C-alpha atoms as a PDB file:
ATOM      1  CA  MET A   1      36.142   8.268 -28.894  1.00  0.00           C
ATOM      2  CA  VAL A   2      38.077   8.722 -25.639  1.00  0.00           C
ATOM      3  CA  ASP A   3      37.406   7.082 -22.269  1.00  0.00           C
ATOM      4  CA  ALA A   4      38.303   9.474 -19.418  1.00  0.00           C
ATOM      5  CA  GLU A   5      38.991   6.510 -17.096  1.00  0.00           C
ATOM      6  CA  CYS A   6      41.326   4.726 -19.534  1.00  0.00           C
ATOM      7  CA  VAL A   7      45.052   4.894 -18.765  1.00  0.00           C
ATOM      8  CA  PHE A   8      45.957   4.702 -22.473  1.00  0.00           C
ATOM      9  CA  CYS A   9      43.513   7.485 -23.364  1.00  0.00           C
ATOM     10  CA  SER A  10      45.178   9.556 -20.624  1.00  0.00           C
ATOM     11  CA  ILE A  11      48.609   8.832 -22.114  1.00  0.00           C
ATOM     12  CA  ILE A  12      47.431   9.693 -25.629  1.00  0.00           C
ATOM     13  CA  SER A  13      45.932  12.997 -24.456  1.00  0.00           C
ATOM     14  CA  GLY A  14      49.115  13.887 -22.547  1.00  0.00           C
ATOM     15  CA  ARG A  15      47.483  13.803 -19.099  1.00  0.00           C
ATOM     16  CA  LEU A  16      49.850  10.982 -18.112  1.00  0.00           C
ATOM     17  CA  PRO A  17      53.545  10.843 -19.036  1.00  0.00           C
ATOM     18  CA  SER A  18      55.003   8.209 -21.336  1.00  0.00           C
ATOM     19  CA  ALA A  19      58.145   7.450 -23.279  1.00  0.00           C
ATOM     20  CA  ARG A  20      56.816   8.005 -26.806  1.00  0.00           C
ATOM     21  CA  VAL A  21      58.869   6.641 -29.647  1.00  0.00           C
ATOM     22  CA  HIS A  22      56.490   7.314 -32.541  1.00  0.00           C
ATOM     23  CA  GLU A  23      53.184   8.965 -33.346  1.00  0.00           C
ATOM     24  CA  SER A  24      51.067   8.818 -36.499  1.00  0.00           C
ATOM     25  CA  ASP A  25      47.605  10.083 -37.378  1.00  0.00           C
ATOM     26  CA  ASN A  26      45.893   7.175 -35.628  1.00  0.00           C
ATOM     27  CA  PHE A  27      48.487   5.534 -33.356  1.00  0.00           C
ATOM     28  CA  VAL A  28      50.913   6.280 -30.542  1.00  0.00           C
ATOM     29  CA  VAL A  29      53.860   4.004 -29.759  1.00  0.00           C
ATOM     30  CA  ILE A  30      55.323   4.041 -26.249  1.00  0.00           C
ATOM     31  CA  ARG A  31      57.850   2.035 -24.260  1.00  0.00           C
ATOM     32  CA  ASP A  32      56.245  -0.437 -21.850  1.00  0.00           C
ATOM     33  CA  ILE A  33      56.810   0.555 -18.207  1.00  0.00           C
ATOM     34  CA  ASN A  34      57.343  -3.120 -17.257  1.00  0.00           C
ATOM     35  CA  PRO A  35      59.325  -4.519 -20.191  1.00  0.00           C
ATOM     36  CA  VAL A  36      59.682  -8.283 -20.656  1.00  0.00           C
ATOM     37  CA  ALA A  37      62.260  -7.930 -23.442  1.00  0.00           C
ATOM     38  CA  PRO A  38      65.102  -5.518 -24.236  1.00  0.00           C
ATOM     39  CA  VAL A  39      62.706  -3.811 -26.647  1.00  0.00           C
ATOM     40  CA  HIS A  40      59.089  -3.767 -25.449  1.00  0.00           C
ATOM     41  CA  LEU A  41      56.825  -1.246 -27.129  1.00  0.00           C
ATOM     42  CA  LEU A  42      53.069  -0.724 -27.162  1.00  0.00           C
ATOM     43  CA  VAL A  43      51.246   0.335 -30.331  1.00  0.00           C
ATOM     44  CA  ILE A  44      48.056   2.049 -29.166  1.00  0.00           C
ATOM     45  CA  PRO A  45      45.200   3.304 -31.356  1.00  0.00           C
ATOM     46  CA  LYS A  46      44.292   6.906 -30.544  1.00  0.00           C
ATOM     47  CA  ARG A  47      40.611   6.017 -30.786  1.00  0.00           C
ATOM     48  CA  HIS A  48      39.436   4.050 -27.760  1.00  0.00           C
ATOM     49  CA  VAL A  49      38.328   0.525 -28.565  1.00  0.00           C
ATOM     50  CA  GLU A  50      38.374  -2.055 -25.778  1.00  0.00           C
ATOM     51  CA  SER A  51      39.791  -5.008 -27.696  1.00  0.00           C
ATOM     52  CA  VAL A  52      40.236  -6.575 -31.113  1.00  0.00           C
ATOM     53  CA  LEU A  53      36.622  -7.710 -30.798  1.00  0.00           C
ATOM     54  CA  GLY A  54      35.521  -4.065 -30.973  1.00  0.00           C
ATOM     55  CA  VAL A  55      37.531  -3.193 -34.085  1.00  0.00           C
ATOM     56  CA  GLY A  56      35.350  -2.248 -37.043  1.00  0.00           C
ATOM     57  CA  GLU A  57      35.871  -2.071 -40.786  1.00  0.00           C
ATOM     58  CA  ASP A  58      37.078   1.514 -40.398  1.00  0.00           C
ATOM     59  CA  PHE A  59      40.138   0.442 -38.358  1.00  0.00           C
ATOM     60  CA  PRO A  60      43.261   1.705 -40.182  1.00  0.00           C
ATOM     61  CA  ALA A  61      44.960  -1.708 -40.462  1.00  0.00           C
ATOM     62  CA  GLY A  62      47.349  -0.616 -43.206  1.00  0.00           C
ATOM     63  CA  GLU A  63      48.593   2.282 -41.100  1.00  0.00           C
ATOM     64  CA  PHE A  64      48.875  -0.036 -38.078  1.00  0.00           C
ATOM     65  CA  PHE A  65      51.226  -2.418 -39.881  1.00  0.00           C
ATOM     66  CA  ASP A  66      53.168   0.482 -41.398  1.00  0.00           C
ATOM     67  CA  VAL A  67      53.732   1.866 -37.885  1.00  0.00           C
ATOM     68  CA  VAL A  68      54.828  -1.566 -36.602  1.00  0.00           C
ATOM     69  CA  LYS A  69      57.291  -1.941 -39.481  1.00  0.00           C
ATOM     70  CA  ARG A  70      58.662   1.588 -39.114  1.00  0.00           C
ATOM     71  CA  VAL A  71      59.161   1.324 -35.351  1.00  0.00           C
ATOM     72  CA  ALA A  72      60.727  -2.161 -35.584  1.00  0.00           C
ATOM     73  CA  GLU A  73      63.240  -0.803 -38.097  1.00  0.00           C
ATOM     74  CA  GLN A  74      63.864   2.279 -35.938  1.00  0.00           C
ATOM     75  CA  GLU A  75      64.544   0.057 -32.911  1.00  0.00           C
ATOM     76  CA  GLY A  76      66.976  -2.155 -34.854  1.00  0.00           C
ATOM     77  CA  LEU A  77      64.858  -5.310 -34.767  1.00  0.00           C
ATOM     78  CA  ARG A  78      66.231  -6.625 -38.076  1.00  0.00           C
ATOM     79  CA  ARG A  79      66.668 -10.187 -36.782  1.00  0.00           C
ATOM     80  CA  GLY A  80      63.007 -10.427 -35.806  1.00  0.00           C
ATOM     81  CA  PHE A  81      60.412  -9.464 -33.261  1.00  0.00           C
ATOM     82  CA  ARG A  82      57.172 -10.739 -31.814  1.00  0.00           C
ATOM     83  CA  LEU A  83      53.895  -8.861 -32.332  1.00  0.00           C
ATOM     84  CA  VAL A  84      51.275  -9.730 -29.704  1.00  0.00           C
ATOM     85  CA  VAL A  85      47.692  -8.567 -29.217  1.00  0.00           C
ATOM     86  CA  ASN A  86      46.125  -9.959 -26.043  1.00  0.00           C
ATOM     87  CA  THR A  87      42.338 -10.026 -26.178  1.00  0.00           C
ATOM     88  CA  GLY A  88      40.310 -10.495 -23.015  1.00  0.00           C
ATOM     89  CA  ILE A  89      40.988 -11.623 -19.476  1.00  0.00           C
ATOM     90  CA  GLU A  90      42.056 -15.187 -20.313  1.00  0.00           C
ATOM     91  CA  ALA A  91      44.697 -13.786 -22.675  1.00  0.00           C
ATOM     92  CA  GLN A  92      45.997 -11.439 -19.936  1.00  0.00           C
ATOM     93  CA  GLN A  93      44.791  -8.198 -21.535  1.00  0.00           C
ATOM     94  CA  SER A  94      45.532  -5.858 -18.634  1.00  0.00           C
ATOM     95  CA  VAL A  95      44.276  -2.556 -20.079  1.00  0.00           C
ATOM     96  CA  PRO A  96      40.826  -2.448 -21.730  1.00  0.00           C
ATOM     97  CA  HIS A  97      42.082  -0.417 -24.695  1.00  0.00           C
ATOM     98  CA  MET A  98      43.256  -2.446 -27.681  1.00  0.00           C
ATOM     99  CA  HIS A  99      47.028  -2.393 -28.089  1.00  0.00           C
ATOM    100  CA  ALA A 100      49.802  -4.464 -29.591  1.00  0.00           C
ATOM    101  CA  HIS A 101      53.104  -5.379 -27.989  1.00  0.00           C
ATOM    102  CA  ILE A 102      56.271  -5.283 -30.092  1.00  0.00           C
ATOM    103  CA  LEU A 103      58.824  -7.502 -28.339  1.00  0.00           C
ATOM    104  CA  GLY A 104      62.395  -7.859 -29.534  1.00  0.00           C
ATOM    105  CA  GLY A 105      66.062  -7.831 -28.781  1.00  0.00           C
ATOM    106  CA  ARG A 106      66.203 -11.456 -27.598  1.00  0.00           C
ATOM    107  CA  SER A 107      65.186 -14.950 -28.706  1.00  0.00           C
ATOM    108  CA  PHE A 108      61.704 -16.220 -27.902  1.00  0.00           C
ATOM    109  CA  THR A 109      60.363 -19.733 -27.395  1.00  0.00           C
ATOM    110  CA  TRP A 110      57.273 -21.419 -28.778  1.00  0.00           C
ATOM    111  CA  PRO A 111      54.656 -21.999 -27.570  1.00  0.00           C
ATOM    112  CA  PRO A 112      54.610 -18.645 -25.810  1.00  0.00           C
ATOM    113  CA  GLY A 113      52.369 -19.461 -22.852  1.00  0.00           C
END
């Protein structure tokens, strides 16, 4: 499913430009346009789903984690990285299309927010 009004669906379809770093059968990985770390990537499912709450049993979780691992290795994040999925307004999800942030290249603090 694709949402014509969704910025990520427009990126996936090629209607909007992006800095793609990886693509698999079900995911596209792009560089964030407003990075908060030296490496800030977005892992975006090609199928439109608004948030984690809309993910069903058919979500390709194994492929998702394989893509995360592959891209982290490709980007040289051997010392570690943070994987973040914001869900909903209170969590600061800014685009209503589920996506994960891969953040790396610097140290992070805890708690994050």
